[in-house]
Amino acid sequence: METLIYTDLSKLLERQLKGGVTGVVPCGTTGESPTLRENEHLQVIKETVNHVGGKLPVIAGTGANSTEEALQLTQKADSLGADAFLLVAPYYNKPSQDGLFAHFISSC
């Protein structure tokens, strides 16, 4: 992964720590995570894990339309030290109930 400086992310995390939050969610569903390349996505998670240093849980956003992509992101975020994972129902392709079950059970 290329080394990037995330000054604003560090400032935001520090503010959250000082504010007493009980967990953070890098690359959640309300940010720009769908526009990040995989290496950027993983770097944000890595920087977050490193910055909070175990002071609070890091719940990494690893959801994706593709079950395979979600599984790979989850496994990589786990190896970076994330404590938990935020997965979403595949958007746009609207799977059936059986399809949703298969998506989430595959991501475990």
C-alpha atoms as a PDB file:
ATOM      1  CA  MET A   1       0.000   0.000   0.000  1.00  0.00           C
ATOM      2  CA  GLU A   2       1.277   3.419  -0.843  1.00  0.00           C
ATOM      3  CA  THR A   3       2.054   5.645   2.105  1.00  0.00           C
ATOM      4  CA  LEU A   4      -0.236   8.642   2.312  1.00  0.00           C
ATOM      5  CA  ILE A   5      -0.585  11.337   4.944  1.00  0.00           C
ATOM      6  CA  TYR A   6      -4.055  11.594   6.453  1.00  0.00           C
ATOM      7  CA  THR A   7      -3.758  14.805   8.466  1.00  0.00           C
ATOM      8  CA  ASP A   8      -7.479  15.614   8.464  1.00  0.00           C
ATOM      9  CA  LEU A   9      -8.398  12.049   9.411  1.00  0.00           C
ATOM     10  CA  SER A  10      -5.996  12.228  12.362  1.00  0.00           C
ATOM     11  CA  LYS A  11      -7.507  15.541  13.476  1.00  0.00           C
ATOM     12  CA  LEU A  12     -11.014  14.121  13.224  1.00  0.00           C
ATOM     13  CA  LEU A  13     -10.089  10.979  15.163  1.00  0.00           C
ATOM     14  CA  GLU A  14      -8.372  13.019  17.864  1.00  0.00           C
ATOM     15  CA  ARG A  15     -11.464  15.185  18.222  1.00  0.00           C
ATOM     16  CA  GLN A  16     -13.632  12.075  18.522  1.00  0.00           C
ATOM     17  CA  LEU A  17     -11.338  10.576  21.157  1.00  0.00           C
ATOM     18  CA  LYS A  18     -11.396  13.793  23.188  1.00  0.00           C
ATOM     19  CA  GLY A  19     -15.170  13.963  22.785  1.00  0.00           C
ATOM     20  CA  GLY A  20     -15.604  10.575  24.410  1.00  0.00           C
ATOM     21  CA  VAL A  21     -17.059   8.538  21.561  1.00  0.00           C
ATOM     22  CA  THR A  22     -17.272   4.819  22.207  1.00  0.00           C
ATOM     23  CA  GLY A  23     -16.282   3.630  18.718  1.00  0.00           C
ATOM     24  CA  VAL A  24     -15.462   4.805  15.203  1.00  0.00           C
ATOM     25  CA  VAL A  25     -16.527   3.561  11.767  1.00  0.00           C
ATOM     26  CA  PRO A  26     -13.994   4.304   9.036  1.00  0.00           C
ATOM     27  CA  CYS A  27     -15.386   3.872   5.520  1.00  0.00           C
ATOM     28  CA  GLY A  28     -18.974   3.608   6.705  1.00  0.00           C
ATOM     29  CA  THR A  29     -22.031   4.123   4.545  1.00  0.00           C
ATOM     30  CA  THR A  30     -22.372   7.909   4.827  1.00  0.00           C
ATOM     31  CA  GLY A  31     -18.941   8.896   3.560  1.00  0.00           C
ATOM     32  CA  GLU A  32     -17.161   8.609   0.283  1.00  0.00           C
ATOM     33  CA  SER A  33     -16.038   4.998   0.701  1.00  0.00           C
ATOM     34  CA  PRO A  34     -17.639   3.876  -2.601  1.00  0.00           C
ATOM     35  CA  THR A  35     -15.319   6.281  -4.418  1.00  0.00           C
ATOM     36  CA  LEU A  36     -12.129   5.047  -2.745  1.00  0.00           C
ATOM     37  CA  ARG A  37      -9.766   2.640  -4.461  1.00  0.00           C
ATOM     38  CA  GLU A  38      -9.172  -0.522  -2.465  1.00  0.00           C
ATOM     39  CA  ASN A  39      -5.727   0.594  -1.296  1.00  0.00           C
ATOM     40  CA  GLU A  40      -7.161   3.937  -0.116  1.00  0.00           C
ATOM     41  CA  HIS A  41     -10.048   2.194   1.648  1.00  0.00           C
ATOM     42  CA  LEU A  42      -7.666  -0.106   3.492  1.00  0.00           C
ATOM     43  CA  GLN A  43      -5.268   2.719   4.297  1.00  0.00           C
ATOM     44  CA  VAL A  44      -8.075   4.703   5.972  1.00  0.00           C
ATOM     45  CA  ILE A  45      -8.879   1.657   8.106  1.00  0.00           C
ATOM     46  CA  LYS A  46      -5.204   1.102   8.923  1.00  0.00           C
ATOM     47  CA  GLU A  47      -4.653   4.763   9.862  1.00  0.00           C
ATOM     48  CA  THR A  48      -7.744   4.671  12.069  1.00  0.00           C
ATOM     49  CA  VAL A  49      -6.675   1.484  13.870  1.00  0.00           C
ATOM     50  CA  ASN A  50      -3.193   2.902  14.424  1.00  0.00           C
ATOM     51  CA  HIS A  51      -4.424   6.302  15.588  1.00  0.00           C
ATOM     52  CA  VAL A  52      -6.933   5.077  18.168  1.00  0.00           C
ATOM     53  CA  GLY A  53      -4.429   2.524  19.449  1.00  0.00           C
ATOM     54  CA  GLY A  54      -6.992   0.230  21.066  1.00  0.00           C
ATOM     55  CA  LYS A  55      -8.637   3.053  23.053  1.00  0.00           C
ATOM     56  CA  LEU A  56     -11.973   2.275  21.420  1.00  0.00           C
ATOM     57  CA  PRO A  57     -13.384  -0.187  18.893  1.00  0.00           C
ATOM     58  CA  VAL A  58     -12.844   0.327  15.186  1.00  0.00           C
ATOM     59  CA  ILE A  59     -15.791  -0.922  13.139  1.00  0.00           C
ATOM     60  CA  ALA A  60     -14.516  -1.030   9.556  1.00  0.00           C
ATOM     61  CA  GLY A  61     -16.964  -0.419   6.740  1.00  0.00           C
ATOM     62  CA  THR A  62     -16.391  -3.333   4.378  1.00  0.00           C
ATOM     63  CA  GLY A  63     -19.720  -3.573   2.590  1.00  0.00           C
ATOM     64  CA  ALA A  64     -19.957  -3.842  -1.180  1.00  0.00           C
ATOM     65  CA  ASN A  65     -22.381  -4.857  -3.907  1.00  0.00           C
ATOM     66  CA  SER A  66     -20.164  -7.794  -4.708  1.00  0.00           C
ATOM     67  CA  THR A  67     -20.085 -10.553  -2.101  1.00  0.00           C
ATOM     68  CA  GLU A  68     -16.528 -11.426  -3.130  1.00  0.00           C
ATOM     69  CA  GLU A  69     -15.386  -7.815  -2.730  1.00  0.00           C
ATOM     70  CA  ALA A  70     -17.080  -7.524   0.671  1.00  0.00           C
ATOM     71  CA  LEU A  71     -15.443 -10.741   1.835  1.00  0.00           C
ATOM     72  CA  GLN A  72     -11.994  -9.643   0.674  1.00  0.00           C
ATOM     73  CA  LEU A  73     -12.327  -6.199   2.284  1.00  0.00           C
ATOM     74  CA  THR A  74     -13.504  -7.788   5.527  1.00  0.00           C
ATOM     75  CA  GLN A  75     -10.588 -10.224   5.622  1.00  0.00           C
ATOM     76  CA  LYS A  76      -8.064  -7.468   4.869  1.00  0.00           C
ATOM     77  CA  ALA A  77      -9.600  -5.092   7.441  1.00  0.00           C
ATOM     78  CA  ASP A  78      -9.418  -7.914   9.980  1.00  0.00           C
ATOM     79  CA  SER A  79      -5.717  -8.357   9.261  1.00  0.00           C
ATOM     80  CA  LEU A  80      -5.238  -4.601   9.809  1.00  0.00           C
ATOM     81  CA  GLY A  81      -6.682  -4.864  13.317  1.00  0.00           C
ATOM     82  CA  ALA A  82     -10.302  -3.757  12.927  1.00  0.00           C
ATOM     83  CA  ASP A  83     -12.469  -4.939  15.810  1.00  0.00           C
ATOM     84  CA  ALA A  84     -15.716  -5.386  13.884  1.00  0.00           C
ATOM     85  CA  PHE A  85     -17.156  -4.837  10.416  1.00  0.00           C
ATOM     86  CA  LEU A  86     -20.075  -2.910   8.959  1.00  0.00           C
ATOM     87  CA  LEU A  87     -21.590  -4.693   5.983  1.00  0.00           C
ATOM     88  CA  VAL A  88     -24.579  -3.468   4.030  1.00  0.00           C
ATOM     89  CA  ALA A  89     -27.152  -5.182   1.878  1.00  0.00           C
ATOM     90  CA  PRO A  90     -26.003  -5.081  -1.746  1.00  0.00           C
ATOM     91  CA  TYR A  91     -27.379  -1.901  -3.230  1.00  0.00           C
ATOM     92  CA  TYR A  92     -28.501  -1.559  -6.847  1.00  0.00           C
ATOM     93  CA  ASN A  93     -28.732  -5.300  -7.610  1.00  0.00           C
ATOM     94  CA  LYS A  94     -31.582  -6.026  -5.121  1.00  0.00           C
ATOM     95  CA  PRO A  95     -31.035  -9.695  -4.236  1.00  0.00           C
ATOM     96  CA  SER A  96     -33.849 -11.938  -3.006  1.00  0.00           C
ATOM     97  CA  GLN A  97     -34.099 -12.880   0.675  1.00  0.00           C
ATOM     98  CA  ASP A  98     -32.130 -16.050  -0.087  1.00  0.00           C
ATOM     99  CA  GLY A  99     -29.582 -13.929  -1.940  1.00  0.00           C
ATOM    100  CA  LEU A 100     -29.226 -11.571   1.031  1.00  0.00           C
ATOM    101  CA  PHE A 101     -28.737 -14.518   3.372  1.00  0.00           C
ATOM    102  CA  ALA A 102     -26.079 -15.974   1.065  1.00  0.00           C
ATOM    103  CA  HIS A 103     -24.310 -12.589   0.839  1.00  0.00           C
ATOM    104  CA  PHE A 104     -24.083 -12.127   4.588  1.00  0.00           C
ATOM    105  CA  ILE A 105     -23.286 -15.717   5.503  1.00  0.00           C
ATOM    106  CA  SER A 106     -20.448 -15.683   2.936  1.00  0.00           C
ATOM    107  CA  SER A 107     -19.027 -12.533   4.507  1.00  0.00           C
ATOM    108  CA  CYS A 108     -18.622 -14.186   7.923  1.00  0.00           C
END
